Amino acid sequence: MAHDVEQLLSANEHSRVDDNLLPHQRRALKNLQTRTQRLRILPADKCNSIVVLTHKQYELKLETHIEEEPYILLKKDPTPTLHGKLDRVLKRLLTDKIITRDFYNAARNLHPRAPQLYGTPKIHKQGVPIRPIVSFYNTPLIALHKVLAHYLKPLTNSPLRLKDSNHMIDVLRTHTQPEFPYQCSLNVKSLYTSCDMSLAQKSIKQKLTDNPELLPPNLSPKAIDTLIS
């Protein structure tokens, strides 16, 4: 198979590709390429399109989002404090033999950085606002998140959970209850920032307490609750 692919690529290496752009489109593209240092070329949110913004337009949209949403200005970067707090908690759990050495090593990030905010334009909405996306790559809690996700994933098994759009279509096709003949879609603004995380934490602890087989013998629901908080 690999040999066939290599031959195909080699045969087409010098083949001519016809230009499918009109002259004025080609000129506009070349002009755009000379201005890339002043532009942001971004994927549109949900529309399978490309959006071109100036850096000033992009920054203005991000600033507007930050001003309108429930963000709080901090006096200093909390990354070192958060990193130190997590390290102390993990060391205490390790000393008390509540977690293993492998768990301890897997949940630590030795050289973290602060999360990074960026956004994609919602061209399907009035005013083309920004959909905020936060990159948690190499942040203080990213390693812990991955470890906890492994133990919390079984809790997501629910008849109310939809995996993706195809799963939703399958559910609708098999929906035969005449007393519920209609379906509706609701759009929630700032869903995650509006959720009460304390209720989610209580629910997780209760489910793990009721189902101890979901955790290894040396790991208790209390330890998971401590790490989540």
C-alpha atoms as a PDB file:
ATOM      1  CA  MET A   1       0.000   0.000   0.000  1.00  0.00           C
ATOM      2  CA  ALA A   2       2.762   2.445   0.941  1.00  0.00           C
ATOM      3  CA  HIS A   3       4.648   1.584  -2.247  1.00  0.00           C
ATOM      4  CA  ASP A   4       1.551   2.276  -4.382  1.00  0.00           C
ATOM      5  CA  VAL A   5       1.042   5.665  -2.727  1.00  0.00           C
ATOM      6  CA  GLU A   6       4.709   6.564  -3.248  1.00  0.00           C
ATOM      7  CA  GLN A   7       4.475   5.685  -6.973  1.00  0.00           C
ATOM      8  CA  LEU A   8       1.295   7.740  -7.350  1.00  0.00           C
ATOM      9  CA  LEU A   9       2.878  10.789  -5.749  1.00  0.00           C
ATOM     10  CA  SER A  10       6.012  10.390  -7.858  1.00  0.00           C
ATOM     11  CA  ALA A  11       3.988  10.151 -11.086  1.00  0.00           C
ATOM     12  CA  ASN A  12       2.139  13.364 -10.296  1.00  0.00           C
ATOM     13  CA  GLU A  13       5.107  15.286  -8.939  1.00  0.00           C
ATOM     14  CA  HIS A  14       5.681  17.212 -12.144  1.00  0.00           C
ATOM     15  CA  SER A  15       2.125  17.225 -13.471  1.00  0.00           C
ATOM     16  CA  ARG A  16       0.636  20.588 -14.380  1.00  0.00           C
ATOM     17  CA  VAL A  17      -2.093  21.994 -12.136  1.00  0.00           C
ATOM     18  CA  ASP A  18      -4.517  24.342 -13.865  1.00  0.00           C
ATOM     19  CA  ASP A  19      -5.148  27.657 -12.153  1.00  0.00           C
ATOM     20  CA  ASN A  20      -8.845  27.924 -11.326  1.00  0.00           C
ATOM     21  CA  LEU A  21      -8.686  31.616 -10.362  1.00  0.00           C
ATOM     22  CA  LEU A  22      -9.603  34.551 -12.589  1.00  0.00           C
ATOM     23  CA  PRO A  23      -6.891  37.205 -13.154  1.00  0.00           C
ATOM     24  CA  HIS A  24      -8.447  39.702 -10.747  1.00  0.00           C
ATOM     25  CA  GLN A  25      -8.824  36.964  -8.122  1.00  0.00           C
ATOM     26  CA  ARG A  26      -5.180  36.014  -8.520  1.00  0.00           C
ATOM     27  CA  ARG A  27      -4.133  39.671  -8.133  1.00  0.00           C
ATOM     28  CA  ALA A  28      -6.293  40.005  -5.010  1.00  0.00           C
ATOM     29  CA  LEU A  29      -4.721  36.848  -3.531  1.00  0.00           C
ATOM     30  CA  LYS A  30      -1.186  38.088  -4.185  1.00  0.00           C
ATOM     31  CA  ASN A  31      -2.073  41.450  -2.651  1.00  0.00           C
ATOM     32  CA  LEU A  32      -3.439  39.637   0.381  1.00  0.00           C
ATOM     33  CA  GLN A  33      -0.258  37.594   0.733  1.00  0.00           C
ATOM     34  CA  THR A  34       1.830  40.769   0.965  1.00  0.00           C
ATOM     35  CA  ARG A  35      -0.330  42.003   3.865  1.00  0.00           C
ATOM     36  CA  THR A  36      -0.407  38.867   6.012  1.00  0.00           C
ATOM     37  CA  GLN A  37       1.676  40.483   8.761  1.00  0.00           C
ATOM     38  CA  ARG A  38      -1.180  42.946   9.344  1.00  0.00           C
ATOM     39  CA  LEU A  39      -3.999  40.414   8.961  1.00  0.00           C
ATOM     40  CA  ARG A  40      -5.510  37.522  10.895  1.00  0.00           C
ATOM     41  CA  ILE A  41      -6.773  34.663   8.715  1.00  0.00           C
ATOM     42  CA  LEU A  42      -9.126  32.578  10.847  1.00  0.00           C
ATOM     43  CA  PRO A  43     -11.574  29.695  10.448  1.00  0.00           C
ATOM     44  CA  ALA A  44     -15.171  30.836  10.892  1.00  0.00           C
ATOM     45  CA  ASP A  45     -17.203  29.366  13.715  1.00  0.00           C
ATOM     46  CA  LYS A  46     -19.536  26.581  12.482  1.00  0.00           C
ATOM     47  CA  CYS A  47     -19.622  27.741   8.851  1.00  0.00           C
ATOM     48  CA  ASN A  48     -16.678  25.960   7.180  1.00  0.00           C
ATOM     49  CA  SER A  49     -15.402  29.301   5.879  1.00  0.00           C
ATOM     50  CA  ILE A  50     -12.332  31.516   6.186  1.00  0.00           C
ATOM     51  CA  VAL A  51     -12.477  34.997   7.709  1.00  0.00           C
ATOM     52  CA  VAL A  52      -9.880  37.718   7.097  1.00  0.00           C
ATOM     53  CA  LEU A  53      -9.583  40.424   9.748  1.00  0.00           C
ATOM     54  CA  THR A  54      -7.023  43.087  10.491  1.00  0.00           C
ATOM     55  CA  HIS A  55      -5.182  42.677  13.780  1.00  0.00           C
ATOM     56  CA  LYS A  56      -7.013  45.751  15.085  1.00  0.00           C
ATOM     57  CA  GLN A  57     -10.440  44.297  14.208  1.00  0.00           C
ATOM     58  CA  TYR A  58      -9.556  40.978  15.818  1.00  0.00           C
ATOM     59  CA  GLU A  59      -8.260  42.576  19.018  1.00  0.00           C
ATOM     60  CA  LEU A  60     -11.318  44.851  19.208  1.00  0.00           C
ATOM     61  CA  LYS A  61     -13.658  41.857  19.009  1.00  0.00           C
ATOM     62  CA  LEU A  62     -11.744  40.095  21.788  1.00  0.00           C
ATOM     63  CA  GLU A  63     -11.805  43.233  23.944  1.00  0.00           C
ATOM     64  CA  THR A  64     -15.555  43.604  23.369  1.00  0.00           C
ATOM     65  CA  HIS A  65     -16.108  40.010  24.422  1.00  0.00           C
ATOM     66  CA  ILE A  66     -14.021  40.442  27.586  1.00  0.00           C
ATOM     67  CA  GLU A  67     -15.862  43.648  28.537  1.00  0.00           C
ATOM     68  CA  GLU A  68     -19.344  42.176  27.984  1.00  0.00           C
ATOM     69  CA  GLU A  69     -18.808  38.791  29.636  1.00  0.00           C
ATOM     70  CA  PRO A  70     -18.405  38.081  33.384  1.00  0.00           C
ATOM     71  CA  TYR A  71     -14.611  38.278  33.585  1.00  0.00           C
ATOM     72  CA  ILE A  72     -12.702  39.666  36.564  1.00  0.00           C
ATOM     73  CA  LEU A  73      -9.390  41.519  36.259  1.00  0.00           C
ATOM     74  CA  LEU A  74      -6.777  39.910  38.516  1.00  0.00           C
ATOM     75  CA  LYS A  75      -3.998  41.852  40.183  1.00  0.00           C
ATOM     76  CA  LYS A  76      -1.348  39.294  39.220  1.00  0.00           C
ATOM     77  CA  ASP A  77      -0.838  36.063  37.322  1.00  0.00           C
ATOM     78  CA  PRO A  78      -2.148  33.222  39.549  1.00  0.00           C
ATOM     79  CA  THR A  79      -0.199  30.532  37.665  1.00  0.00           C
ATOM     80  CA  PRO A  80       2.703  30.170  40.174  1.00  0.00           C
ATOM     81  CA  THR A  81       0.311  30.134  43.157  1.00  0.00           C
ATOM     82  CA  LEU A  82      -1.961  27.531  41.559  1.00  0.00           C
ATOM     83  CA  HIS A  83       1.017  25.392  40.570  1.00  0.00           C
ATOM     84  CA  GLY A  84       2.408  25.480  44.111  1.00  0.00           C
ATOM     85  CA  LYS A  85      -0.968  24.678  45.689  1.00  0.00           C
ATOM     86  CA  LEU A  86      -1.476  21.648  43.448  1.00  0.00           C
ATOM     87  CA  ASP A  87       2.044  20.409  44.167  1.00  0.00           C
ATOM     88  CA  ARG A  88       1.445  20.590  47.927  1.00  0.00           C
ATOM     89  CA  VAL A  89      -1.872  18.727  47.669  1.00  0.00           C
ATOM     90  CA  LEU A  90      -0.352  15.978  45.526  1.00  0.00           C
ATOM     91  CA  LYS A  91       2.617  15.581  47.899  1.00  0.00           C
ATOM     92  CA  ARG A  92       0.270  15.293  50.893  1.00  0.00           C
ATOM     93  CA  LEU A  93      -1.875  12.655  49.147  1.00  0.00           C
ATOM     94  CA  LEU A  94       1.257  10.761  48.143  1.00  0.00           C
ATOM     95  CA  THR A  95       2.678  10.875  51.686  1.00  0.00           C
ATOM     96  CA  ASP A  96      -0.638   9.621  53.088  1.00  0.00           C
ATOM     97  CA  LYS A  97      -0.575   6.828  50.468  1.00  0.00           C
ATOM     98  CA  ILE A  98      -3.905   7.967  49.034  1.00  0.00           C
ATOM     99  CA  ILE A  99      -2.428   8.184  45.529  1.00  0.00           C
ATOM    100  CA  THR A 100       0.361   6.187  43.912  1.00  0.00           C
ATOM    101  CA  ARG A 101       3.707   7.484  42.682  1.00  0.00           C
ATOM    102  CA  ASP A 102       2.524   6.961  39.087  1.00  0.00           C
ATOM    103  CA  PHE A 103      -0.601   9.058  39.759  1.00  0.00           C
ATOM    104  CA  TYR A 104       1.551  11.761  41.384  1.00  0.00           C
ATOM    105  CA  ASN A 105       3.939  11.963  38.422  1.00  0.00           C
ATOM    106  CA  ALA A 106       1.139  11.898  35.830  1.00  0.00           C
ATOM    107  CA  ALA A 107      -0.820  14.728  37.517  1.00  0.00           C
ATOM    108  CA  ARG A 108       2.098  17.186  37.693  1.00  0.00           C
ATOM    109  CA  ASN A 109       3.201  19.808  35.176  1.00  0.00           C
ATOM    110  CA  LEU A 110       6.686  21.000  36.049  1.00  0.00           C
ATOM    111  CA  HIS A 111       6.867  24.129  33.865  1.00  0.00           C
ATOM    112  CA  PRO A 112       3.337  25.525  33.404  1.00  0.00           C
ATOM    113  CA  ARG A 113       2.137  28.695  31.721  1.00  0.00           C
ATOM    114  CA  ALA A 114      -1.096  30.696  31.914  1.00  0.00           C
ATOM    115  CA  PRO A 115      -4.029  29.712  29.652  1.00  0.00           C
ATOM    116  CA  GLN A 116      -4.216  31.560  26.324  1.00  0.00           C
ATOM    117  CA  LEU A 117      -7.439  33.102  24.973  1.00  0.00           C
ATOM    118  CA  TYR A 118      -8.225  33.363  21.276  1.00  0.00           C
ATOM    119  CA  GLY A 119     -11.421  33.349  19.235  1.00  0.00           C
ATOM    120  CA  THR A 120     -13.148  32.412  15.998  1.00  0.00           C
ATOM    121  CA  PRO A 121     -15.629  34.811  14.311  1.00  0.00           C
ATOM    122  CA  LYS A 122     -19.322  33.890  14.398  1.00  0.00           C
ATOM    123  CA  ILE A 123     -20.217  35.043  10.900  1.00  0.00           C
ATOM    124  CA  HIS A 124     -23.692  33.512  11.273  1.00  0.00           C
ATOM    125  CA  LYS A 125     -24.551  36.044  14.016  1.00  0.00           C
ATOM    126  CA  GLN A 126     -25.273  39.759  13.925  1.00  0.00           C
ATOM    127  CA  GLY A 127     -22.148  41.863  14.349  1.00  0.00           C
ATOM    128  CA  VAL A 128     -19.838  38.852  13.899  1.00  0.00           C
ATOM    129  CA  PRO A 129     -18.905  38.378  17.566  1.00  0.00           C
ATOM    130  CA  ILE A 130     -16.059  36.158  18.712  1.00  0.00           C
ATOM    131  CA  ARG A 131     -16.502  32.657  20.071  1.00  0.00           C
ATOM    132  CA  PRO A 132     -13.900  32.462  22.869  1.00  0.00           C
ATOM    133  CA  ILE A 133     -11.571  29.470  22.917  1.00  0.00           C
ATOM    134  CA  VAL A 134      -9.118  28.967  25.774  1.00  0.00           C
ATOM    135  CA  SER A 135      -5.998  26.912  25.178  1.00  0.00           C
ATOM    136  CA  PHE A 136      -5.044  25.004  28.318  1.00  0.00           C
ATOM    137  CA  TYR A 137      -1.930  23.510  26.753  1.00  0.00           C
ATOM    138  CA  ASN A 138       0.861  23.256  29.343  1.00  0.00           C
ATOM    139  CA  THR A 139      -1.172  24.996  32.068  1.00  0.00           C
ATOM    140  CA  PRO A 140      -0.821  24.051  35.777  1.00  0.00           C
ATOM    141  CA  LEU A 141      -3.877  21.762  35.850  1.00  0.00           C
ATOM    142  CA  ILE A 142      -3.792  20.205  32.374  1.00  0.00           C
ATOM    143  CA  ALA A 143      -1.972  17.055  33.510  1.00  0.00           C
ATOM    144  CA  LEU A 144      -4.364  16.638  36.453  1.00  0.00           C
ATOM    145  CA  HIS A 145      -7.335  17.141  34.101  1.00  0.00           C
ATOM    146  CA  LYS A 146      -6.181  14.251  31.928  1.00  0.00           C
ATOM    147  CA  VAL A 147      -5.771  11.930  34.917  1.00  0.00           C
ATOM    148  CA  LEU A 148      -9.165  12.863  36.395  1.00  0.00           C
ATOM    149  CA  ALA A 149     -10.868  12.527  32.998  1.00  0.00           C
ATOM    150  CA  HIS A 150      -9.815   8.884  32.936  1.00  0.00           C
ATOM    151  CA  TYR A 151     -11.702   8.200  36.186  1.00  0.00           C
ATOM    152  CA  LEU A 152     -14.674  10.489  35.498  1.00  0.00           C
ATOM    153  CA  LYS A 153     -15.411   9.298  31.956  1.00  0.00           C
ATOM    154  CA  PRO A 154     -17.658   6.388  33.105  1.00  0.00           C
ATOM    155  CA  LEU A 155     -19.926   8.948  34.791  1.00  0.00           C
ATOM    156  CA  THR A 156     -20.841  10.380  31.375  1.00  0.00           C
ATOM    157  CA  ASN A 157     -22.707   7.206  30.398  1.00  0.00           C
ATOM    158  CA  SER A 158     -26.284   8.460  30.399  1.00  0.00           C
ATOM    159  CA  PRO A 159     -29.354   8.043  28.151  1.00  0.00           C
ATOM    160  CA  LEU A 160     -29.566  11.845  28.095  1.00  0.00           C
ATOM    161  CA  ARG A 161     -26.086  12.265  26.609  1.00  0.00           C
ATOM    162  CA  LEU A 162     -25.688  12.840  22.875  1.00  0.00           C
ATOM    163  CA  LYS A 163     -22.328  11.893  21.420  1.00  0.00           C
ATOM    164  CA  ASP A 164     -22.605  14.019  18.268  1.00  0.00           C
ATOM    165  CA  SER A 165     -25.033  15.164  15.545  1.00  0.00           C
ATOM    166  CA  ASN A 166     -25.223  11.699  13.978  1.00  0.00           C
ATOM    167  CA  HIS A 167     -26.167  10.227  17.354  1.00  0.00           C
ATOM    168  CA  MET A 168     -28.920  12.824  17.703  1.00  0.00           C
ATOM    169  CA  ILE A 169     -30.313  11.905  14.263  1.00  0.00           C
ATOM    170  CA  ASP A 170     -30.369   8.220  15.231  1.00  0.00           C
ATOM    171  CA  VAL A 171     -32.234   9.054  18.445  1.00  0.00           C
ATOM    172  CA  LEU A 172     -34.808  11.159  16.600  1.00  0.00           C
ATOM    173  CA  ARG A 173     -35.385   8.416  14.030  1.00  0.00           C
ATOM    174  CA  THR A 174     -36.169   5.904  16.756  1.00  0.00           C
ATOM    175  CA  HIS A 175     -38.345   8.336  18.707  1.00  0.00           C
ATOM    176  CA  THR A 176     -41.842   6.828  18.638  1.00  0.00           C
ATOM    177  CA  GLN A 177     -43.553   8.339  21.664  1.00  0.00           C
ATOM    178  CA  PRO A 178     -46.747  10.059  20.418  1.00  0.00           C
ATOM    179  CA  GLU A 179     -47.110  12.114  23.601  1.00  0.00           C
ATOM    180  CA  PHE A 180     -43.911  13.987  22.650  1.00  0.00           C
ATOM    181  CA  PRO A 181     -44.360  14.774  18.942  1.00  0.00           C
ATOM    182  CA  TYR A 182     -42.122  17.856  18.874  1.00  0.00           C
ATOM    183  CA  GLN A 183     -38.424  18.545  19.374  1.00  0.00           C
ATOM    184  CA  CYS A 184     -36.813  21.918  20.020  1.00  0.00           C
ATOM    185  CA  SER A 185     -33.294  23.300  20.193  1.00  0.00           C
ATOM    186  CA  LEU A 186     -32.286  25.799  22.872  1.00  0.00           C
ATOM    187  CA  ASN A 187     -29.326  28.151  22.659  1.00  0.00           C
ATOM    188  CA  VAL A 188     -27.785  28.867  26.068  1.00  0.00           C
ATOM    189  CA  LYS A 189     -25.580  31.940  26.452  1.00  0.00           C
ATOM    190  CA  SER A 190     -22.354  31.398  28.421  1.00  0.00           C
ATOM    191  CA  LEU A 191     -23.393  27.859  29.366  1.00  0.00           C
ATOM    192  CA  TYR A 192     -20.277  26.728  31.246  1.00  0.00           C
ATOM    193  CA  THR A 193     -19.682  29.990  33.083  1.00  0.00           C
ATOM    194  CA  SER A 194     -23.326  29.914  34.215  1.00  0.00           C
ATOM    195  CA  CYS A 195     -23.137  26.398  35.673  1.00  0.00           C
ATOM    196  CA  ASP A 196     -22.844  25.879  39.426  1.00  0.00           C
ATOM    197  CA  MET A 197     -19.654  23.812  39.671  1.00  0.00           C
ATOM    198  CA  SER A 198     -20.305  23.002  43.345  1.00  0.00           C
ATOM    199  CA  LEU A 199     -23.403  21.008  42.327  1.00  0.00           C
ATOM    200  CA  ALA A 200     -21.399  19.104  39.725  1.00  0.00           C
ATOM    201  CA  GLN A 201     -18.714  18.348  42.320  1.00  0.00           C
ATOM    202  CA  LYS A 202     -21.300  17.038  44.807  1.00  0.00           C
ATOM    203  CA  SER A 203     -22.855  14.882  42.091  1.00  0.00           C
ATOM    204  CA  ILE A 204     -19.483  13.380  41.161  1.00  0.00           C
ATOM    205  CA  LYS A 205     -18.620  12.543  44.767  1.00  0.00           C
ATOM    206  CA  GLN A 206     -22.043  10.959  45.346  1.00  0.00           C
ATOM    207  CA  LYS A 207     -21.894   8.827  42.189  1.00  0.00           C
ATOM    208  CA  LEU A 208     -18.400   7.586  42.990  1.00  0.00           C
ATOM    209  CA  THR A 209     -19.475   6.798  46.564  1.00  0.00           C
ATOM    210  CA  ASP A 210     -22.477   4.833  45.274  1.00  0.00           C
ATOM    211  CA  ASN A 211     -20.342   3.058  42.658  1.00  0.00           C
ATOM    212  CA  PRO A 212     -16.947   2.314  44.303  1.00  0.00           C
ATOM    213  CA  GLU A 213     -16.082  -0.183  41.541  1.00  0.00           C
ATOM    214  CA  LEU A 214     -15.436   2.796  39.224  1.00  0.00           C
ATOM    215  CA  LEU A 215     -12.249   3.647  41.156  1.00  0.00           C
ATOM    216  CA  PRO A 216      -9.145   1.547  41.891  1.00  0.00           C
ATOM    217  CA  PRO A 217      -8.932   0.217  45.492  1.00  0.00           C
ATOM    218  CA  ASN A 218      -6.332   2.760  46.617  1.00  0.00           C
ATOM    219  CA  LEU A 219      -8.243   5.800  45.305  1.00  0.00           C
ATOM    220  CA  SER A 220     -11.234   7.095  47.267  1.00  0.00           C
ATOM    221  CA  PRO A 221     -14.080   9.432  46.228  1.00  0.00           C
ATOM    222  CA  LYS A 222     -12.755  11.851  48.865  1.00  0.00           C
ATOM    223  CA  ALA A 223      -9.368  12.023  47.101  1.00  0.00           C
ATOM    224  CA  ILE A 224     -11.066  12.714  43.762  1.00  0.00           C
ATOM    225  CA  ASP A 225     -13.198  15.391  45.428  1.00  0.00           C
ATOM    226  CA  THR A 226     -10.084  17.010  46.907  1.00  0.00           C
ATOM    227  CA  LEU A 227      -8.353  17.121  43.513  1.00  0.00           C
ATOM    228  CA  ILE A 228     -11.428  18.490  41.729  1.00  0.00           C
ATOM    229  CA  SER A 229     -11.759  21.313  44.245  1.00  0.00           C
END
